[in-house]
Amino acid sequence: MDHDMATTQAPATSEATLTIGDLANRTGVTTAVLRMWEQRYGFPIAHRLPSGHRRYTEEDASLVSQVVRRRSGGIRLEVAIAEALATLAPTNPSIYADLRRRHPQLATHRLRKSTLIALSWAIEDECAALAERPVLFGAFQKAAYYKPSAPRWNELTRVSRAAVVFADSWPESADEATGPIRATLPEDAPMRREWAVVCDAADSTACLTAWELPGQTDVPDRQRLFEAIWTVDPVAVRDAARVAAGVAESSGVLAARPLLYELAESPPPRTTTPTGVTALFNRVVSYVDRLAV
């Protein structure tokens, strides 16, 4: 299923009883503006009836009112929307879909797996070099795809506060005790189709998440196409980390519960410097060039 369709056309629930007119009356935002926000920013997220009519919940009305208040305080619209969505508890078992829903301003790119590998290595290197005791998550789809990265993640685990990797299954391994925590994804888990690297620390944040486009069974492994998002925004990275911790807990990882409590806090203020972004970009270019040979 397309992730956008899954998040913007959620099934109607008993709580979604407000029409778009009701929402406009509750919040003071006209129906035309609400439709424009939905089209441009994916917010507010409408619950669609079989007839196609929009319905909203009391929580939706509260979020729109929050955006209105933040806008009256001089905050840019896209920032106000991102802040409002960030207050929601993570309920989506997909890092990619959750970021698209909470941070619709993030650009998406269609990338080959070889490029995702380069981006992932760059984020991992920056995290190992700069982050102080980060929380790390990695989604690899299959254990066989994780195997080449195992030595890197064993090293990352040594410098991290916690490290969790996801795949469809995990064969017994000699380095399991010293490497990252291994979470097994159930058969119906959306993250079985996803790729992710999340580094959340007070002094360094980065996230790459992607989902594999369908119909590629005959495509060579490194040529497979993914739709990807990457960001160094601390709020977006914290949202990704919350989703990953929730998926880990639901997969039976006991250590994920204290992580959920820790990640429930808002990330500390941090300014992303041009120097830091340039360093990450330089690592990406270096790895892309190496993998192109």
C-alpha atoms as a PDB file:
ATOM      1  CA  MET A   1       0.000   0.000   0.000  1.00  0.00           C
ATOM      2  CA  ASP A   2       1.199   3.512  -0.774  1.00  0.00           C
ATOM      3  CA  HIS A   3       2.251   5.188   2.468  1.00  0.00           C
ATOM      4  CA  ASP A   4       0.618   8.513   1.550  1.00  0.00           C
ATOM      5  CA  MET A   5      -2.714   6.805   0.935  1.00  0.00           C
ATOM      6  CA  ALA A   6      -2.373   4.938   4.221  1.00  0.00           C
ATOM      7  CA  THR A   7      -1.903   8.141   6.193  1.00  0.00           C
ATOM      8  CA  THR A   8      -4.227  10.601   4.469  1.00  0.00           C
ATOM      9  CA  GLN A   9      -7.205   8.303   3.912  1.00  0.00           C
ATOM     10  CA  ALA A  10      -7.450   6.648   7.302  1.00  0.00           C
ATOM     11  CA  PRO A  11     -10.647   4.725   7.980  1.00  0.00           C
ATOM     12  CA  ALA A  12     -13.376   6.657   9.698  1.00  0.00           C
ATOM     13  CA  THR A  13     -13.787   5.993  13.421  1.00  0.00           C
ATOM     14  CA  SER A  14     -16.579   6.692  15.909  1.00  0.00           C
ATOM     15  CA  GLU A  15     -14.577   9.657  17.164  1.00  0.00           C
ATOM     16  CA  ALA A  16     -14.233  11.277  13.734  1.00  0.00           C
ATOM     17  CA  THR A  17     -17.598  13.040  13.688  1.00  0.00           C
ATOM     18  CA  LEU A  18     -16.737  16.646  12.836  1.00  0.00           C
ATOM     19  CA  THR A  19     -17.353  17.839   9.280  1.00  0.00           C
ATOM     20  CA  ILE A  20     -14.946  20.273   7.690  1.00  0.00           C
ATOM     21  CA  GLY A  21     -17.547  22.968   8.394  1.00  0.00           C
ATOM     22  CA  ASP A  22     -17.602  21.971  12.057  1.00  0.00           C
ATOM     23  CA  LEU A  23     -13.808  22.119  12.145  1.00  0.00           C
ATOM     24  CA  ALA A  24     -13.863  25.587  10.584  1.00  0.00           C
ATOM     25  CA  ASN A  25     -16.378  26.813  13.168  1.00  0.00           C
ATOM     26  CA  ARG A  26     -14.350  25.342  16.049  1.00  0.00           C
ATOM     27  CA  THR A  27     -11.021  26.819  14.947  1.00  0.00           C
ATOM     28  CA  GLY A  28     -11.834  29.978  13.007  1.00  0.00           C
ATOM     29  CA  VAL A  29     -10.000  28.654   9.942  1.00  0.00           C
ATOM     30  CA  THR A  30     -12.101  28.716   6.773  1.00  0.00           C
ATOM     31  CA  THR A  31     -12.887  25.506   4.922  1.00  0.00           C
ATOM     32  CA  ALA A  32     -10.951  26.795   1.903  1.00  0.00           C
ATOM     33  CA  VAL A  33      -7.829  27.309   4.023  1.00  0.00           C
ATOM     34  CA  LEU A  34      -8.226  23.896   5.671  1.00  0.00           C
ATOM     35  CA  ARG A  35      -8.388  22.248   2.242  1.00  0.00           C
ATOM     36  CA  MET A  36      -5.332  24.230   1.132  1.00  0.00           C
ATOM     37  CA  TRP A  37      -3.388  23.115   4.223  1.00  0.00           C
ATOM     38  CA  GLU A  38      -4.340  19.498   3.573  1.00  0.00           C
ATOM     39  CA  GLN A  39      -3.295  19.690  -0.074  1.00  0.00           C
ATOM     40  CA  ARG A  40      -0.027  21.519   0.559  1.00  0.00           C
ATOM     41  CA  TYR A  41       1.073  20.209   3.965  1.00  0.00           C
ATOM     42  CA  GLY A  42      -0.906  17.004   4.505  1.00  0.00           C
ATOM     43  CA  PHE A  43      -2.557  18.618   7.546  1.00  0.00           C
ATOM     44  CA  PRO A  44      -5.094  18.263   9.066  1.00  0.00           C
ATOM     45  CA  ILE A  45      -5.360  14.546   8.282  1.00  0.00           C
ATOM     46  CA  ALA A  46      -8.923  13.833   7.206  1.00  0.00           C
ATOM     47  CA  HIS A  47     -10.711  10.575   7.968  1.00  0.00           C
ATOM     48  CA  ARG A  48     -12.562   9.726   4.766  1.00  0.00           C
ATOM     49  CA  LEU A  49     -16.033   8.226   4.682  1.00  0.00           C
ATOM     50  CA  PRO A  50     -16.878   5.778   1.862  1.00  0.00           C
ATOM     51  CA  SER A  51     -18.611   8.738   0.182  1.00  0.00           C
ATOM     52  CA  GLY A  52     -15.316  10.652   0.206  1.00  0.00           C
ATOM     53  CA  HIS A  53     -16.501  13.268   2.715  1.00  0.00           C
ATOM     54  CA  ARG A  54     -14.003  14.429   5.317  1.00  0.00           C
ATOM     55  CA  ARG A  55     -14.464  13.814   9.023  1.00  0.00           C
ATOM     56  CA  TYR A  56     -12.288  15.040  11.897  1.00  0.00           C
ATOM     57  CA  THR A  57     -11.818  14.295  15.585  1.00  0.00           C
ATOM     58  CA  GLU A  58     -11.723  16.567  18.610  1.00  0.00           C
ATOM     59  CA  GLU A  59      -7.947  16.014  18.619  1.00  0.00           C
ATOM     60  CA  ASP A  60      -7.782  17.338  15.037  1.00  0.00           C
ATOM     61  CA  ALA A  61      -9.613  20.480  16.163  1.00  0.00           C
ATOM     62  CA  SER A  62      -7.165  20.891  19.040  1.00  0.00           C
ATOM     63  CA  LEU A  63      -4.180  20.558  16.692  1.00  0.00           C
ATOM     64  CA  VAL A  64      -5.572  23.111  14.241  1.00  0.00           C
ATOM     65  CA  SER A  65      -6.222  25.525  17.119  1.00  0.00           C
ATOM     66  CA  GLN A  66      -2.636  24.991  18.271  1.00  0.00           C
ATOM     67  CA  VAL A  67      -1.385  25.904  14.802  1.00  0.00           C
ATOM     68  CA  VAL A  68      -3.549  29.054  14.821  1.00  0.00           C
ATOM     69  CA  ARG A  69      -2.109  30.108  18.191  1.00  0.00           C
ATOM     70  CA  ARG A  70       1.461  29.515  17.041  1.00  0.00           C
ATOM     71  CA  ARG A  71       0.813  31.437  13.824  1.00  0.00           C
ATOM     72  CA  SER A  72      -0.506  34.401  15.841  1.00  0.00           C
ATOM     73  CA  GLY A  73       2.805  34.320  17.694  1.00  0.00           C
ATOM     74  CA  GLY A  74       4.732  34.835  14.458  1.00  0.00           C
ATOM     75  CA  ILE A  75       5.706  31.198  13.769  1.00  0.00           C
ATOM     76  CA  ARG A  76       5.820  30.145  10.107  1.00  0.00           C
ATOM     77  CA  LEU A  77       2.922  27.928   9.075  1.00  0.00           C
ATOM     78  CA  GLU A  78       4.995  24.846   8.165  1.00  0.00           C
ATOM     79  CA  VAL A  79       6.870  25.091  11.480  1.00  0.00           C
ATOM     80  CA  ALA A  80       3.635  25.491  13.454  1.00  0.00           C
ATOM     81  CA  ILE A  81       2.174  22.416  11.740  1.00  0.00           C
ATOM     82  CA  ALA A  82       5.293  20.337  12.420  1.00  0.00           C
ATOM     83  CA  GLU A  83       5.245  21.375  16.090  1.00  0.00           C
ATOM     84  CA  ALA A  84       1.570  20.477  16.430  1.00  0.00           C
ATOM     85  CA  LEU A  85       2.036  17.042  14.847  1.00  0.00           C
ATOM     86  CA  ALA A  86       5.081  16.402  17.035  1.00  0.00           C
ATOM     87  CA  THR A  87       2.819  16.498  20.120  1.00  0.00           C
ATOM     88  CA  LEU A  88       0.992  13.365  18.953  1.00  0.00           C
ATOM     89  CA  ALA A  89       2.015  10.054  20.444  1.00  0.00           C
ATOM     90  CA  PRO A  90       3.621   7.813  17.803  1.00  0.00           C
ATOM     91  CA  THR A  91       1.076   5.189  16.743  1.00  0.00           C
ATOM     92  CA  ASN A  92       2.320   4.351  13.263  1.00  0.00           C
ATOM     93  CA  PRO A  93       4.512   1.226  12.961  1.00  0.00           C
ATOM     94  CA  SER A  94       6.325   2.840  10.027  1.00  0.00           C
ATOM     95  CA  ILE A  95       9.130   5.367  10.426  1.00  0.00           C
ATOM     96  CA  TYR A  96       8.723   6.586   6.858  1.00  0.00           C
ATOM     97  CA  ALA A  97       4.946   7.056   7.049  1.00  0.00           C
ATOM     98  CA  ASP A  98       5.148   8.770  10.433  1.00  0.00           C
ATOM     99  CA  LEU A  99       7.690  11.317   9.191  1.00  0.00           C
ATOM    100  CA  ARG A 100       5.605  12.004   6.079  1.00  0.00           C
ATOM    101  CA  ARG A 101       2.592  12.619   8.302  1.00  0.00           C
ATOM    102  CA  ARG A 102       4.293  14.739  10.948  1.00  0.00           C
ATOM    103  CA  HIS A 103       6.763  16.578   8.717  1.00  0.00           C
ATOM    104  CA  PRO A 104       5.167  17.003   5.277  1.00  0.00           C
ATOM    105  CA  GLN A 105       7.704  19.698   4.391  1.00  0.00           C
ATOM    106  CA  LEU A 106      10.514  17.116   4.160  1.00  0.00           C
ATOM    107  CA  ALA A 107      11.471  16.409   0.560  1.00  0.00           C
ATOM    108  CA  THR A 108      11.230  12.870  -0.821  1.00  0.00           C
ATOM    109  CA  HIS A 109      13.685  11.363  -3.299  1.00  0.00           C
ATOM    110  CA  ARG A 110      13.709   8.175  -5.346  1.00  0.00           C
ATOM    111  CA  LEU A 111      17.089   6.564  -4.753  1.00  0.00           C
ATOM    112  CA  ARG A 112      18.793   3.287  -5.625  1.00  0.00           C
ATOM    113  CA  LYS A 113      19.870   1.013  -2.808  1.00  0.00           C
ATOM    114  CA  SER A 114      23.514   1.793  -3.606  1.00  0.00           C
ATOM    115  CA  THR A 115      22.845   5.474  -2.814  1.00  0.00           C
ATOM    116  CA  LEU A 116      21.012   4.554   0.393  1.00  0.00           C
ATOM    117  CA  ILE A 117      24.063   2.571   1.461  1.00  0.00           C
ATOM    118  CA  ALA A 118      26.256   5.639   0.924  1.00  0.00           C
ATOM    119  CA  LEU A 119      23.870   7.853   2.909  1.00  0.00           C
ATOM    120  CA  SER A 120      23.655   5.281   5.701  1.00  0.00           C
ATOM    121  CA  TRP A 121      27.416   4.902   6.010  1.00  0.00           C
ATOM    122  CA  ALA A 122      27.822   8.682   6.100  1.00  0.00           C
ATOM    123  CA  ILE A 123      25.253   9.054   8.898  1.00  0.00           C
ATOM    124  CA  GLU A 124      26.812   6.164  10.834  1.00  0.00           C
ATOM    125  CA  ASP A 125      30.292   7.678  10.497  1.00  0.00           C
ATOM    126  CA  GLU A 126      29.141  11.125  11.631  1.00  0.00           C
ATOM    127  CA  CYS A 127      27.275   9.565  14.538  1.00  0.00           C
ATOM    128  CA  ALA A 128      30.321   7.560  15.643  1.00  0.00           C
ATOM    129  CA  ALA A 129      32.619  10.577  15.284  1.00  0.00           C
ATOM    130  CA  LEU A 130      30.482  13.309  16.853  1.00  0.00           C
ATOM    131  CA  ALA A 131      27.498  12.028  18.812  1.00  0.00           C
ATOM    132  CA  GLU A 132      27.856  11.584  22.553  1.00  0.00           C
ATOM    133  CA  ARG A 133      26.135   8.381  23.712  1.00  0.00           C
ATOM    134  CA  PRO A 134      23.485   8.348  20.955  1.00  0.00           C
ATOM    135  CA  VAL A 135      20.385   6.202  20.655  1.00  0.00           C
ATOM    136  CA  LEU A 136      20.640   4.295  17.368  1.00  0.00           C
ATOM    137  CA  PHE A 137      18.151   2.387  15.258  1.00  0.00           C
ATOM    138  CA  GLY A 138      18.699   0.570  11.964  1.00  0.00           C
ATOM    139  CA  ALA A 139      16.139  -1.175   9.727  1.00  0.00           C
ATOM    140  CA  PHE A 140      17.563  -3.655   7.229  1.00  0.00           C
ATOM    141  CA  GLN A 141      14.497  -5.551   5.923  1.00  0.00           C
ATOM    142  CA  LYS A 142      16.334  -8.914   5.965  1.00  0.00           C
ATOM    143  CA  ALA A 143      19.066 -10.338   8.199  1.00  0.00           C
ATOM    144  CA  ALA A 144      21.094 -11.106   5.063  1.00  0.00           C
ATOM    145  CA  TYR A 145      21.172  -7.378   4.249  1.00  0.00           C
ATOM    146  CA  TYR A 146      22.374  -6.607   7.777  1.00  0.00           C
ATOM    147  CA  LYS A 147      25.246  -9.095   7.701  1.00  0.00           C
ATOM    148  CA  PRO A 148      27.707  -6.876   5.716  1.00  0.00           C
ATOM    149  CA  SER A 149      26.973  -4.016   8.143  1.00  0.00           C
ATOM    150  CA  ALA A 150      27.353  -6.091  11.316  1.00  0.00           C
ATOM    151  CA  PRO A 151      30.979  -5.043  12.004  1.00  0.00           C
ATOM    152  CA  ARG A 152      30.030  -1.350  11.652  1.00  0.00           C
ATOM    153  CA  TRP A 153      27.060  -1.720  14.010  1.00  0.00           C
ATOM    154  CA  ASN A 154      29.126  -3.657  16.535  1.00  0.00           C
ATOM    155  CA  GLU A 155      31.435  -0.632  16.673  1.00  0.00           C
ATOM    156  CA  LEU A 156      28.512   1.780  16.843  1.00  0.00           C
ATOM    157  CA  THR A 157      27.025  -0.169  19.739  1.00  0.00           C
ATOM    158  CA  ARG A 158      30.171   0.455  21.788  1.00  0.00           C
ATOM    159  CA  VAL A 159      29.741   4.238  21.604  1.00  0.00           C
ATOM    160  CA  SER A 160      25.951   4.308  21.911  1.00  0.00           C
ATOM    161  CA  ARG A 161      23.589   4.471  24.857  1.00  0.00           C
ATOM    162  CA  ALA A 162      21.343   1.986  23.076  1.00  0.00           C
ATOM    163  CA  ALA A 163      21.348   0.394  19.607  1.00  0.00           C
ATOM    164  CA  VAL A 164      18.544  -1.631  18.007  1.00  0.00           C
ATOM    165  CA  VAL A 165      18.414  -3.197  14.541  1.00  0.00           C
ATOM    166  CA  PHE A 166      15.323  -4.582  12.783  1.00  0.00           C
ATOM    167  CA  ALA A 167      14.929  -7.421  10.269  1.00  0.00           C
ATOM    168  CA  ASP A 168      12.536 -10.198   9.319  1.00  0.00           C
ATOM    169  CA  SER A 169      14.421 -12.857  11.314  1.00  0.00           C
ATOM    170  CA  TRP A 170      17.718 -13.332  13.112  1.00  0.00           C
ATOM    171  CA  PRO A 171      19.855 -16.464  12.934  1.00  0.00           C
ATOM    172  CA  GLU A 172      22.013 -17.180  15.960  1.00  0.00           C
ATOM    173  CA  SER A 173      25.329 -15.344  15.814  1.00  0.00           C
ATOM    174  CA  ALA A 174      28.496 -15.353  17.905  1.00  0.00           C
ATOM    175  CA  ASP A 175      28.559 -11.537  18.135  1.00  0.00           C
ATOM    176  CA  GLU A 176      24.914 -11.186  19.173  1.00  0.00           C
ATOM    177  CA  ALA A 177      25.851 -10.609  22.829  1.00  0.00           C
ATOM    178  CA  THR A 178      28.183  -7.695  22.041  1.00  0.00           C
ATOM    179  CA  GLY A 179      26.360  -6.155  19.087  1.00  0.00           C
ATOM    180  CA  PRO A 180      23.100  -4.187  18.888  1.00  0.00           C
ATOM    181  CA  ILE A 181      19.787  -5.500  20.174  1.00  0.00           C
ATOM    182  CA  ARG A 182      18.066  -7.444  17.405  1.00  0.00           C
ATOM    183  CA  ALA A 183      14.328  -6.955  16.945  1.00  0.00           C
ATOM    184  CA  THR A 184      12.360  -9.385  14.791  1.00  0.00           C
ATOM    185  CA  LEU A 185       9.609  -7.798  12.714  1.00  0.00           C
ATOM    186  CA  PRO A 186       6.316  -9.704  12.366  1.00  0.00           C
ATOM    187  CA  GLU A 187       5.207 -10.785   8.904  1.00  0.00           C
ATOM    188  CA  ASP A 188       2.708  -7.938   8.522  1.00  0.00           C
ATOM    189  CA  ALA A 189       5.069  -5.201   9.770  1.00  0.00           C
ATOM    190  CA  PRO A 190       5.342  -2.229   7.355  1.00  0.00           C
ATOM    191  CA  MET A 191       8.993  -1.872   8.344  1.00  0.00           C
ATOM    192  CA  ARG A 192       9.783  -5.126   6.552  1.00  0.00           C
ATOM    193  CA  ARG A 193       9.702  -2.985   3.400  1.00  0.00           C
ATOM    194  CA  GLU A 194      11.656  -0.121   4.962  1.00  0.00           C
ATOM    195  CA  TRP A 195      15.233   1.030   5.300  1.00  0.00           C
ATOM    196  CA  ALA A 196      16.202   3.302   8.178  1.00  0.00           C
ATOM    197  CA  VAL A 197      19.143   4.728  10.099  1.00  0.00           C
ATOM    198  CA  VAL A 198      18.321   6.937  13.079  1.00  0.00           C
ATOM    199  CA  CYS A 199      20.910   8.672  15.274  1.00  0.00           C
ATOM    200  CA  ASP A 200      19.425  10.649  18.172  1.00  0.00           C
ATOM    201  CA  ALA A 201      21.826  12.432  20.538  1.00  0.00           C
ATOM    202  CA  ALA A 202      21.966  15.770  22.306  1.00  0.00           C
ATOM    203  CA  ASP A 203      24.805  16.992  20.107  1.00  0.00           C
ATOM    204  CA  SER A 204      24.190  15.233  16.788  1.00  0.00           C
ATOM    205  CA  THR A 205      21.024  14.078  15.033  1.00  0.00           C
ATOM    206  CA  ALA A 206      20.363  12.476  11.668  1.00  0.00           C
ATOM    207  CA  CYS A 207      17.786  10.184  10.143  1.00  0.00           C
ATOM    208  CA  LEU A 208      17.409   8.382   6.832  1.00  0.00           C
ATOM    209  CA  THR A 209      14.226   6.451   6.131  1.00  0.00           C
ATOM    210  CA  ALA A 210      12.952   4.892   2.916  1.00  0.00           C
ATOM    211  CA  TRP A 211      10.410   2.363   1.698  1.00  0.00           C
ATOM    212  CA  GLU A 212      10.946  -0.004  -1.190  1.00  0.00           C
ATOM    213  CA  LEU A 213       8.784   0.589  -4.242  1.00  0.00           C
ATOM    214  CA  PRO A 214       6.770  -2.512  -5.236  1.00  0.00           C
ATOM    215  CA  GLY A 215       7.282  -4.681  -8.321  1.00  0.00           C
ATOM    216  CA  GLN A 216      11.061  -5.098  -8.182  1.00  0.00           C
ATOM    217  CA  THR A 217      11.462  -8.847  -7.747  1.00  0.00           C
ATOM    218  CA  ASP A 218      13.666  -9.105 -10.870  1.00  0.00           C
ATOM    219  CA  VAL A 219      15.724  -5.959 -10.204  1.00  0.00           C
ATOM    220  CA  PRO A 220      19.379  -6.495  -9.123  1.00  0.00           C
ATOM    221  CA  ASP A 221      19.773  -5.875  -5.391  1.00  0.00           C
ATOM    222  CA  ARG A 222      21.752  -2.623  -5.481  1.00  0.00           C
ATOM    223  CA  GLN A 223      19.554  -1.212  -8.252  1.00  0.00           C
ATOM    224  CA  ARG A 224      16.329  -1.543  -6.275  1.00  0.00           C
ATOM    225  CA  LEU A 225      14.488   1.779  -5.956  1.00  0.00           C
ATOM    226  CA  PHE A 226      13.314   3.324  -2.701  1.00  0.00           C
ATOM    227  CA  GLU A 227      11.411   6.498  -1.895  1.00  0.00           C
ATOM    228  CA  ALA A 228      13.539   8.200   0.738  1.00  0.00           C
ATOM    229  CA  ILE A 229      13.582  11.053   3.255  1.00  0.00           C
ATOM    230  CA  TRP A 230      16.612  12.256   5.171  1.00  0.00           C
ATOM    231  CA  THR A 231      16.914  15.007   7.748  1.00  0.00           C
ATOM    232  CA  VAL A 232      19.108  16.373  10.542  1.00  0.00           C
ATOM    233  CA  ASP A 233      16.242  18.248  12.222  1.00  0.00           C
ATOM    234  CA  PRO A 234      16.247  17.212  15.919  1.00  0.00           C
ATOM    235  CA  VAL A 235      12.434  17.213  16.183  1.00  0.00           C
ATOM    236  CA  ALA A 236      11.973  14.986  13.131  1.00  0.00           C
ATOM    237  CA  VAL A 237      14.775  12.671  14.256  1.00  0.00           C
ATOM    238  CA  ARG A 238      13.203  12.369  17.726  1.00  0.00           C
ATOM    239  CA  ASP A 239       9.867  11.465  16.103  1.00  0.00           C
ATOM    240  CA  ALA A 240      11.595   8.748  14.057  1.00  0.00           C
ATOM    241  CA  ALA A 241      13.323   7.432  17.180  1.00  0.00           C
ATOM    242  CA  ARG A 242      10.012   7.266  19.060  1.00  0.00           C
ATOM    243  CA  VAL A 243       8.416   5.204  16.303  1.00  0.00           C
ATOM    244  CA  ALA A 244      11.417   2.862  16.164  1.00  0.00           C
ATOM    245  CA  ALA A 245      11.363   2.385  19.946  1.00  0.00           C
ATOM    246  CA  GLY A 246       7.639   1.642  19.807  1.00  0.00           C
ATOM    247  CA  VAL A 247       8.137  -0.957  17.078  1.00  0.00           C
ATOM    248  CA  ALA A 248      10.984  -2.503  19.089  1.00  0.00           C
ATOM    249  CA  GLU A 249       8.793  -2.754  22.181  1.00  0.00           C
ATOM    250  CA  SER A 250       5.928  -4.333  20.228  1.00  0.00           C
ATOM    251  CA  SER A 251       8.469  -6.820  18.831  1.00  0.00           C
ATOM    252  CA  GLY A 252       9.328  -7.961  22.351  1.00  0.00           C
ATOM    253  CA  VAL A 253      12.467  -5.917  23.051  1.00  0.00           C
ATOM    254  CA  LEU A 254      12.278  -5.325  26.806  1.00  0.00           C
ATOM    255  CA  ALA A 255      14.924  -2.593  26.724  1.00  0.00           C
ATOM    256  CA  ALA A 256      12.671  -0.488  24.467  1.00  0.00           C
ATOM    257  CA  ARG A 257      10.293   0.495  27.293  1.00  0.00           C
ATOM    258  CA  PRO A 258      12.780   2.773  29.120  1.00  0.00           C
ATOM    259  CA  LEU A 259      13.772   4.173  25.713  1.00  0.00           C
ATOM    260  CA  LEU A 260      10.144   5.141  25.084  1.00  0.00           C
ATOM    261  CA  TYR A 261      10.053   7.049  28.380  1.00  0.00           C
ATOM    262  CA  GLU A 262      13.325   8.779  27.567  1.00  0.00           C
ATOM    263  CA  LEU A 263      12.330   9.689  24.016  1.00  0.00           C
ATOM    264  CA  ALA A 264       8.964  11.053  25.153  1.00  0.00           C
ATOM    265  CA  GLU A 265      10.791  14.231  26.140  1.00  0.00           C
ATOM    266  CA  SER A 266      11.255  16.962  23.546  1.00  0.00           C
ATOM    267  CA  PRO A 267      14.780  17.081  22.108  1.00  0.00           C
ATOM    268  CA  PRO A 268      17.064  19.759  23.540  1.00  0.00           C
ATOM    269  CA  PRO A 269      17.424  22.917  21.432  1.00  0.00           C
ATOM    270  CA  ARG A 270      20.197  22.514  18.904  1.00  0.00           C
ATOM    271  CA  THR A 271      21.212  24.598  15.920  1.00  0.00           C
ATOM    272  CA  THR A 272      22.356  22.663  12.873  1.00  0.00           C
ATOM    273  CA  THR A 273      25.449  24.459  11.597  1.00  0.00           C
ATOM    274  CA  PRO A 274      26.434  24.704   7.927  1.00  0.00           C
ATOM    275  CA  THR A 275      29.759  23.125   8.872  1.00  0.00           C
ATOM    276  CA  GLY A 276      28.054  20.057  10.307  1.00  0.00           C
ATOM    277  CA  VAL A 277      25.762  19.600   7.309  1.00  0.00           C
ATOM    278  CA  THR A 278      28.707  20.100   4.941  1.00  0.00           C
ATOM    279  CA  ALA A 279      30.709  17.418   6.766  1.00  0.00           C
ATOM    280  CA  LEU A 280      27.866  14.942   6.394  1.00  0.00           C
ATOM    281  CA  PHE A 281      27.396  15.879   2.742  1.00  0.00           C
ATOM    282  CA  ASN A 282      31.115  15.375   2.081  1.00  0.00           C
ATOM    283  CA  ARG A 283      30.959  11.884   3.555  1.00  0.00           C
ATOM    284  CA  VAL A 284      27.945  11.080   1.364  1.00  0.00           C
ATOM    285  CA  VAL A 285      29.736  12.251  -1.795  1.00  0.00           C
ATOM    286  CA  SER A 286      32.807  10.206  -0.897  1.00  0.00           C
ATOM    287  CA  TYR A 287      30.801   7.015  -0.384  1.00  0.00           C
ATOM    288  CA  VAL A 288      28.647   7.551  -3.482  1.00  0.00           C
ATOM    289  CA  ASP A 289      31.798   7.978  -5.551  1.00  0.00           C
ATOM    290  CA  ARG A 290      33.328   4.824  -4.034  1.00  0.00           C
ATOM    291  CA  LEU A 291      30.220   2.691  -4.645  1.00  0.00           C
ATOM    292  CA  ALA A 292      29.947   3.937  -8.233  1.00  0.00           C
ATOM    293  CA  VAL A 293      33.268   2.295  -9.144  1.00  0.00           C
END
